N, C-alpha and C. Protein backbone atom coordinates (compact mmCIF):
# COMPACT_ATOMS: atom_id res chain seq x y z
N MET A 1 60.41 247.35 -12.57
CA MET A 1 58.99 246.40 -12.43
C MET A 1 57.97 247.36 -13.62
N ALA A 2 58.30 248.81 -14.00
CA ALA A 2 56.97 249.11 -14.21
C ALA A 2 57.15 248.78 -15.84
N PHE A 3 58.44 248.72 -16.19
CA PHE A 3 58.40 247.97 -17.81
C PHE A 3 58.08 247.38 -18.16
N LEU A 4 57.77 246.17 -17.36
CA LEU A 4 57.05 245.01 -17.88
C LEU A 4 55.47 245.26 -18.52
N TRP A 5 54.57 246.77 -17.82
CA TRP A 5 53.40 246.93 -18.43
C TRP A 5 53.76 247.85 -19.47
N MET A 6 54.42 248.63 -19.56
CA MET A 6 54.29 249.65 -20.66
C MET A 6 54.35 248.81 -22.14
N GLY A 7 53.93 249.53 -22.95
CA GLY A 7 54.00 249.06 -24.53
C GLY A 7 55.33 249.03 -25.32
N LEU A 8 55.43 248.57 -26.01
CA LEU A 8 56.44 248.88 -26.98
C LEU A 8 56.54 249.84 -27.41
N SER A 9 55.67 250.83 -28.23
CA SER A 9 56.00 252.30 -28.41
C SER A 9 56.66 253.10 -27.40
N ARG A 10 56.35 252.94 -26.10
CA ARG A 10 56.30 253.86 -25.28
C ARG A 10 57.78 253.42 -24.82
N ILE A 11 57.99 252.07 -24.71
CA ILE A 11 59.63 251.55 -24.33
C ILE A 11 60.52 252.06 -25.52
N MET A 12 60.29 252.17 -26.46
CA MET A 12 61.18 253.11 -27.73
C MET A 12 61.25 254.12 -27.67
N ARG A 13 60.26 254.83 -27.08
CA ARG A 13 60.38 256.62 -26.78
C ARG A 13 61.19 256.92 -25.89
N LEU A 14 61.36 256.08 -24.69
CA LEU A 14 61.74 256.25 -23.59
C LEU A 14 63.40 255.99 -23.88
N THR A 15 63.55 254.85 -25.02
CA THR A 15 65.02 254.84 -25.40
C THR A 15 65.77 256.23 -26.25
N GLU A 16 64.91 256.04 -26.98
CA GLU A 16 65.06 257.35 -27.43
C GLU A 16 65.55 258.71 -26.65
N HIS A 17 65.02 258.96 -26.14
CA HIS A 17 65.17 260.05 -25.17
C HIS A 17 66.37 259.66 -24.45
N PHE A 18 66.58 258.50 -23.87
CA PHE A 18 67.93 258.68 -23.10
C PHE A 18 69.16 258.40 -23.56
N LEU A 19 69.07 257.35 -25.02
CA LEU A 19 70.14 257.60 -25.92
C LEU A 19 70.34 258.72 -26.69
N GLY A 20 69.17 259.53 -27.06
CA GLY A 20 69.47 260.68 -27.64
C GLY A 20 69.17 260.80 -29.06
N SER A 21 69.14 259.79 -30.06
CA SER A 21 68.76 259.58 -31.31
C SER A 21 67.94 258.78 -31.49
N PRO A 22 66.84 259.24 -32.49
CA PRO A 22 65.92 257.91 -32.99
C PRO A 22 66.25 257.14 -33.77
N PRO A 23 65.67 255.66 -34.07
CA PRO A 23 66.67 254.77 -35.12
C PRO A 23 66.66 255.31 -36.46
N GLN A 24 67.43 255.39 -37.38
CA GLN A 24 68.09 255.61 -38.60
C GLN A 24 66.44 255.28 -39.26
N LYS A 25 66.30 255.84 -40.13
CA LYS A 25 65.13 255.65 -41.53
C LYS A 25 66.06 255.44 -42.89
N GLY A 26 65.30 254.90 -43.99
CA GLY A 26 66.32 254.52 -44.81
C GLY A 26 67.07 253.89 -45.46
N ILE A 27 67.61 253.08 -44.55
CA ILE A 27 68.75 252.14 -44.37
C ILE A 27 68.16 250.79 -44.66
N VAL A 28 68.58 250.24 -45.97
CA VAL A 28 67.96 248.83 -45.97
C VAL A 28 69.18 247.84 -46.08
N THR A 29 69.24 246.93 -45.49
CA THR A 29 69.74 245.93 -45.00
C THR A 29 69.64 244.60 -45.89
N TYR A 30 70.27 243.99 -46.50
CA TYR A 30 69.58 242.29 -46.73
C TYR A 30 70.81 241.27 -46.34
N ALA A 31 69.89 240.39 -45.84
CA ALA A 31 71.14 239.10 -45.70
C ALA A 31 70.35 237.75 -46.12
N LEU A 32 71.49 237.11 -45.93
CA LEU A 32 70.51 235.72 -46.69
C LEU A 32 70.90 234.68 -45.55
N SER A 33 69.76 233.89 -45.50
CA SER A 33 69.79 232.87 -44.22
C SER A 33 70.62 231.76 -44.67
N GLY A 34 71.40 231.10 -43.54
CA GLY A 34 72.37 230.18 -43.30
C GLY A 34 72.40 228.91 -44.50
N ASN A 35 70.53 228.45 -44.55
CA ASN A 35 69.81 227.76 -45.42
C ASN A 35 70.43 227.56 -46.48
N ARG A 36 69.98 229.35 -46.66
CA ARG A 36 70.31 229.75 -48.45
C ARG A 36 71.68 229.65 -49.16
N GLN A 37 72.43 229.87 -48.38
CA GLN A 37 73.84 229.98 -48.53
C GLN A 37 74.57 228.52 -48.70
N ARG A 38 73.95 227.60 -47.87
CA ARG A 38 74.46 226.41 -47.71
C ARG A 38 73.46 224.99 -47.68
N PRO A 39 72.70 224.65 -48.25
CA PRO A 39 71.93 224.08 -48.09
C PRO A 39 71.69 222.63 -47.69
N LEU A 40 73.20 222.56 -48.22
CA LEU A 40 73.37 220.98 -47.87
C LEU A 40 74.60 220.67 -46.83
N ALA A 41 74.63 221.76 -46.49
CA ALA A 41 75.91 221.64 -45.22
C ALA A 41 76.08 220.52 -44.09
N GLY A 42 76.49 219.78 -44.40
CA GLY A 42 76.59 218.63 -43.30
C GLY A 42 75.92 217.45 -43.37
N ALA A 43 74.99 217.52 -44.50
CA ALA A 43 74.37 216.78 -44.79
C ALA A 43 74.85 215.28 -45.12
N LEU A 44 75.86 214.79 -45.88
CA LEU A 44 76.56 214.00 -46.33
C LEU A 44 77.16 213.19 -44.79
N ASN A 45 77.78 214.41 -43.70
CA ASN A 45 78.57 213.42 -42.48
C ASN A 45 76.90 213.08 -41.24
N ALA A 46 75.52 213.80 -41.43
CA ALA A 46 74.65 213.58 -41.07
C ALA A 46 74.14 212.29 -41.39
N ALA A 47 74.07 211.97 -42.94
CA ALA A 47 73.59 210.82 -42.95
C ALA A 47 74.48 209.58 -42.77
N ILE A 48 75.75 209.70 -42.92
CA ILE A 48 76.30 208.57 -42.30
C ILE A 48 75.93 208.43 -41.16
N PHE A 49 76.08 209.32 -40.07
CA PHE A 49 76.14 208.90 -38.48
C PHE A 49 74.51 208.42 -38.58
N ASN A 50 73.47 208.99 -39.24
CA ASN A 50 71.97 208.92 -38.75
C ASN A 50 71.61 207.31 -39.52
N THR A 51 72.64 207.00 -40.20
CA THR A 51 72.26 205.83 -41.06
C THR A 51 73.02 204.51 -39.98
N TYR A 52 73.71 204.78 -39.30
CA TYR A 52 74.78 203.99 -38.37
C TYR A 52 73.83 203.84 -37.26
N ARG A 53 73.45 205.11 -36.68
CA ARG A 53 72.63 205.06 -35.58
C ARG A 53 71.06 204.30 -35.91
N ARG A 54 70.68 204.32 -36.93
CA ARG A 54 69.51 203.61 -37.23
C ARG A 54 69.53 202.17 -37.70
N THR A 55 70.91 201.66 -37.95
CA THR A 55 70.96 200.56 -38.54
C THR A 55 71.15 199.47 -37.23
N LYS A 56 71.94 200.46 -36.08
CA LYS A 56 72.40 200.01 -34.73
C LYS A 56 71.00 199.39 -34.06
N ALA A 57 70.15 200.69 -34.29
CA ALA A 57 68.93 200.58 -32.96
C ALA A 57 68.14 199.15 -33.99
N GLN A 58 68.37 199.02 -34.79
CA GLN A 58 67.34 198.04 -35.53
C GLN A 58 67.69 196.82 -36.31
N ILE A 59 68.90 196.12 -35.76
CA ILE A 59 69.97 195.12 -36.14
C ILE A 59 69.29 194.00 -35.95
N LEU A 60 69.00 193.90 -34.25
CA LEU A 60 68.51 193.27 -33.61
C LEU A 60 66.93 192.56 -34.12
N TYR A 61 66.26 193.46 -35.01
CA TYR A 61 64.95 193.00 -35.26
C TYR A 61 65.05 192.10 -36.81
N TRP A 62 66.25 192.60 -37.34
CA TRP A 62 66.05 191.77 -39.34
C TRP A 62 67.07 190.99 -38.84
N ALA A 63 68.03 191.15 -38.52
CA ALA A 63 69.31 190.30 -38.39
C ALA A 63 68.82 188.63 -38.30
N PRO A 64 68.46 188.33 -36.86
CA PRO A 64 68.35 187.19 -36.61
C PRO A 64 67.20 186.26 -37.84
N PRO A 65 65.93 187.03 -38.54
CA PRO A 65 65.22 186.21 -39.21
C PRO A 65 66.23 185.96 -40.16
N MET A 66 67.00 186.86 -40.64
CA MET A 66 67.77 186.53 -41.93
C MET A 66 68.63 185.57 -41.84
N ILE A 67 69.26 185.76 -40.76
CA ILE A 67 70.52 184.34 -40.60
C ILE A 67 69.99 183.19 -40.43
N ILE A 68 68.47 182.75 -39.73
CA ILE A 68 67.59 181.69 -39.76
C ILE A 68 67.39 181.72 -41.44
N ALA A 69 66.56 182.51 -41.89
CA ALA A 69 66.32 182.19 -43.56
C ALA A 69 67.67 181.77 -44.47
N TYR A 70 68.75 182.11 -43.69
CA TYR A 70 70.12 181.98 -44.89
C TYR A 70 70.27 180.36 -44.20
N LEU A 71 70.60 179.90 -42.93
CA LEU A 71 70.70 178.38 -42.68
C LEU A 71 69.77 177.44 -42.85
N ALA A 72 68.38 178.01 -43.35
CA ALA A 72 67.36 177.18 -43.75
C ALA A 72 67.49 176.89 -44.93
N MET A 73 67.97 177.58 -46.11
CA MET A 73 68.23 177.89 -47.32
C MET A 73 69.69 176.91 -47.55
N ASP A 74 70.28 177.10 -46.67
CA ASP A 74 71.65 176.69 -47.11
C ASP A 74 71.43 175.12 -46.50
N TRP A 75 70.83 174.79 -45.44
CA TRP A 75 70.50 173.22 -45.13
C TRP A 75 69.30 172.71 -46.42
N ALA A 76 68.57 173.63 -46.77
CA ALA A 76 67.32 172.70 -47.94
C ALA A 76 68.48 172.49 -49.31
N VAL A 77 69.33 173.50 -49.36
CA VAL A 77 70.14 173.17 -50.72
C VAL A 77 70.77 172.26 -50.68
N LYS A 78 71.92 172.09 -49.61
CA LYS A 78 72.72 170.79 -49.47
C LYS A 78 72.00 169.09 -49.38
N LYS A 79 70.91 169.35 -49.16
CA LYS A 79 69.53 168.31 -48.75
C LYS A 79 69.48 167.92 -50.26
N TYR A 80 69.21 168.85 -50.72
CA TYR A 80 68.73 168.51 -52.70
C TYR A 80 70.01 168.12 -52.83
N VAL A 81 70.82 168.41 -53.01
CA VAL A 81 71.96 167.90 -53.79
C VAL A 81 72.20 166.35 -53.38
N ILE A 82 72.52 166.35 -52.23
CA ILE A 82 72.19 164.91 -51.80
C ILE A 82 71.33 163.99 -52.20
N LEU A 83 69.74 164.32 -52.26
CA LEU A 83 69.02 163.29 -52.60
C LEU A 83 69.16 163.55 -53.99
N SER A 84 69.31 164.64 -54.84
CA SER A 84 69.07 164.69 -56.28
C SER A 84 70.17 163.52 -56.78
N TYR A 85 71.30 163.72 -56.09
CA TYR A 85 72.61 162.53 -56.79
C TYR A 85 71.76 161.13 -56.25
N CYS A 86 71.43 160.58 -55.54
CA CYS A 86 71.26 159.29 -54.90
C CYS A 86 70.89 158.69 -56.05
N SER A 87 71.46 157.37 -56.76
CA SER A 87 71.54 156.55 -57.40
C SER A 87 69.98 155.32 -57.19
N VAL A 88 70.71 155.06 -55.94
CA VAL A 88 69.86 154.26 -55.29
C VAL A 88 68.64 154.93 -54.55
N ILE A 89 67.77 154.27 -53.99
CA ILE A 89 67.02 154.94 -53.09
C ILE A 89 67.39 154.90 -51.43
N GLY A 90 68.25 153.64 -51.30
CA GLY A 90 68.63 153.28 -49.84
C GLY A 90 69.99 153.92 -49.77
N ASP A 91 70.69 154.87 -50.48
CA ASP A 91 71.89 155.30 -50.59
C ASP A 91 71.90 156.33 -49.65
N PHE A 92 70.98 157.28 -49.56
CA PHE A 92 70.77 158.26 -48.53
C PHE A 92 70.63 157.90 -47.22
N ASP A 93 71.17 159.24 -46.25
CA ASP A 93 71.29 158.66 -44.95
C ASP A 93 70.10 159.40 -44.26
């Protein structure tokens, strides 16, 4: 429990005392983070699944209006074709 209130330098001195040797100085090590080694690791896989997840979540918001708009345009084009080829005013139904 006493270790909780000790300062970091005191704990380091105690570990030096019990372990026998102070930490070595003058040894420099360099490391490269994982983001620097492979910055796009898994990006394509994540993009595919993220696109699927987002589309699945939003499909009910944009699909019904698109289907309704398509059906309305299809009906309007068919009606236009019928009305534009009528030769006599009384021909259309």
